Amino acid sequence: MKKLLVYGTGCPKCKKLAEAVEGAAKAGGIPYTLEKVTDITEIVKAGVMMAPALAVDGVVKVSGRIPDPAEMAALLAG
């Protein structure tokens, strides 16, 4: 099961990233848990300098943007 973390303060881009990653996981049949991290201290601790950011299994994979569907699928598959 993939552990997906979306880092961001709740801005529209952050919400869009959460929706995109959830949709990609469901479309790919990937079992997952999704957590939204909105606490700025936790975001900084994770090393995220630009929101939104996505971490897969504890590793930040993308920051400051929303990946396109093909890239999202690759991030979740890897």
C-alpha atoms as a PDB file:
ATOM      1  CA  MET A   1       0.000   0.000   0.000  1.00  0.00           C
ATOM      2  CA  LYS A   2       1.372   3.383  -1.031  1.00  0.00           C
ATOM      3  CA  LYS A   3       1.484   6.122   1.585  1.00  0.00           C
ATOM      4  CA  LEU A   4       0.750   9.407  -0.174  1.00  0.00           C
ATOM      5  CA  LEU A   5       1.300  12.764   1.515  1.00  0.00           C
ATOM      6  CA  VAL A   6       0.201  16.068   0.040  1.00  0.00           C
ATOM      7  CA  TYR A   7       2.013  19.004   1.622  1.00  0.00           C
ATOM      8  CA  GLY A   8       0.377  22.424   1.454  1.00  0.00           C
ATOM      9  CA  THR A   9      -1.554  24.961   3.453  1.00  0.00           C
ATOM     10  CA  GLY A  10      -4.886  24.228   1.782  1.00  0.00           C
ATOM     11  CA  CYS A  11      -4.616  26.543  -1.220  1.00  0.00           C
ATOM     12  CA  PRO A  12      -6.528  25.708  -4.415  1.00  0.00           C
ATOM     13  CA  LYS A  13      -3.407  24.133  -5.998  1.00  0.00           C
ATOM     14  CA  CYS A  14      -2.943  21.953  -2.920  1.00  0.00           C
ATOM     15  CA  LYS A  15      -6.523  20.721  -3.166  1.00  0.00           C
ATOM     16  CA  LYS A  16      -6.111  20.101  -6.894  1.00  0.00           C
ATOM     17  CA  LEU A  17      -2.961  18.036  -6.282  1.00  0.00           C
ATOM     18  CA  ALA A  18      -4.774  15.941  -3.667  1.00  0.00           C
ATOM     19  CA  GLU A  19      -7.632  15.310  -6.113  1.00  0.00           C
ATOM     20  CA  ALA A  20      -5.217  14.476  -8.948  1.00  0.00           C
ATOM     21  CA  VAL A  21      -3.156  12.007  -6.923  1.00  0.00           C
ATOM     22  CA  GLU A  22      -6.266  10.326  -5.544  1.00  0.00           C
ATOM     23  CA  GLY A  23      -7.736  10.024  -9.034  1.00  0.00           C
ATOM     24  CA  ALA A  24      -4.498   8.612 -10.455  1.00  0.00           C
ATOM     25  CA  ALA A  25      -4.209   6.041  -7.666  1.00  0.00           C
ATOM     26  CA  LYS A  26      -7.804   4.914  -8.157  1.00  0.00           C
ATOM     27  CA  ALA A  27      -7.444   4.790 -11.946  1.00  0.00           C
ATOM     28  CA  GLY A  28      -4.263   2.732 -11.634  1.00  0.00           C
ATOM     29  CA  GLY A  29      -5.794   0.354  -9.103  1.00  0.00           C
ATOM     30  CA  ILE A  30      -3.073   1.279  -6.603  1.00  0.00           C
ATOM     31  CA  PRO A  31      -3.927   0.672  -2.947  1.00  0.00           C
ATOM     32  CA  TYR A  32      -3.099   3.837  -1.011  1.00  0.00           C
ATOM     33  CA  THR A  33      -3.578   5.984   2.039  1.00  0.00           C
ATOM     34  CA  LEU A  34      -3.723   9.746   1.545  1.00  0.00           C
ATOM     35  CA  GLU A  35      -2.765  12.291   4.160  1.00  0.00           C
ATOM     36  CA  LYS A  36      -2.893  16.057   3.771  1.00  0.00           C
ATOM     37  CA  VAL A  37      -0.180  17.846   5.741  1.00  0.00           C
ATOM     38  CA  THR A  38      -1.156  21.478   6.355  1.00  0.00           C
ATOM     39  CA  ASP A  39       0.996  22.349   9.368  1.00  0.00           C
ATOM     40  CA  ILE A  40       3.754  24.690   8.173  1.00  0.00           C
ATOM     41  CA  THR A  41       6.236  23.264  10.706  1.00  0.00           C
ATOM     42  CA  GLU A  42       5.706  19.738   9.361  1.00  0.00           C
ATOM     43  CA  ILE A  43       5.952  20.985   5.777  1.00  0.00           C
ATOM     44  CA  VAL A  44       9.320  22.626   6.482  1.00  0.00           C
ATOM     45  CA  LYS A  45      10.532  19.542   8.404  1.00  0.00           C
ATOM     46  CA  ALA A  46       9.877  17.477   5.288  1.00  0.00           C
ATOM     47  CA  GLY A  47      12.168  19.811   3.326  1.00  0.00           C
ATOM     48  CA  VAL A  48       9.376  21.231   1.188  1.00  0.00           C
ATOM     49  CA  MET A  49      10.165  24.768   0.066  1.00  0.00           C
ATOM     50  CA  MET A  50       7.358  25.203  -2.474  1.00  0.00           C
ATOM     51  CA  ALA A  51       3.789  23.984  -2.119  1.00  0.00           C
ATOM     52  CA  PRO A  52       2.011  21.961  -3.159  1.00  0.00           C
ATOM     53  CA  ALA A  53       4.244  18.923  -2.820  1.00  0.00           C
ATOM     54  CA  LEU A  54       3.699  15.196  -3.070  1.00  0.00           C
ATOM     55  CA  ALA A  55       5.559  12.526  -1.141  1.00  0.00           C
ATOM     56  CA  VAL A  56       5.232   8.843  -2.006  1.00  0.00           C
ATOM     57  CA  ASP A  57       6.228   6.449   0.765  1.00  0.00           C
ATOM     58  CA  GLY A  58       8.061   9.216   2.618  1.00  0.00           C
ATOM     59  CA  VAL A  59      10.032  10.581  -0.348  1.00  0.00           C
ATOM     60  CA  VAL A  60       9.114  13.989  -1.785  1.00  0.00           C
ATOM     61  CA  LYS A  61       8.672  13.378  -5.516  1.00  0.00           C
ATOM     62  CA  VAL A  62       7.371  16.720  -6.761  1.00  0.00           C
ATOM     63  CA  SER A  63       7.188  20.222  -5.317  1.00  0.00           C
ATOM     64  CA  GLY A  64       5.706  23.520  -6.451  1.00  0.00           C
ATOM     65  CA  ARG A  65       3.552  22.101  -9.245  1.00  0.00           C
ATOM     66  CA  ILE A  66       0.924  19.562 -10.196  1.00  0.00           C
ATOM     67  CA  PRO A  67       2.284  16.755 -12.388  1.00  0.00           C
ATOM     68  CA  ASP A  68       0.444  15.856 -15.585  1.00  0.00           C
ATOM     69  CA  PRO A  69      -1.504  12.564 -15.552  1.00  0.00           C
ATOM     70  CA  ALA A  70       1.275  10.520 -17.211  1.00  0.00           C
ATOM     71  CA  GLU A  71       3.909  11.765 -14.750  1.00  0.00           C
ATOM     72  CA  MET A  72       1.540  11.200 -11.830  1.00  0.00           C
ATOM     73  CA  ALA A  73       0.995   7.594 -12.912  1.00  0.00           C
ATOM     74  CA  ALA A  74       4.759   7.067 -13.172  1.00  0.00           C
ATOM     75  CA  LEU A  75       5.342   8.565  -9.712  1.00  0.00           C
ATOM     76  CA  LEU A  76       2.768   6.262  -8.163  1.00  0.00           C
ATOM     77  CA  ALA A  77       3.969   3.168 -10.030  1.00  0.00           C
ATOM     78  CA  GLY A  78       7.603   3.606  -8.997  1.00  0.00           C
END
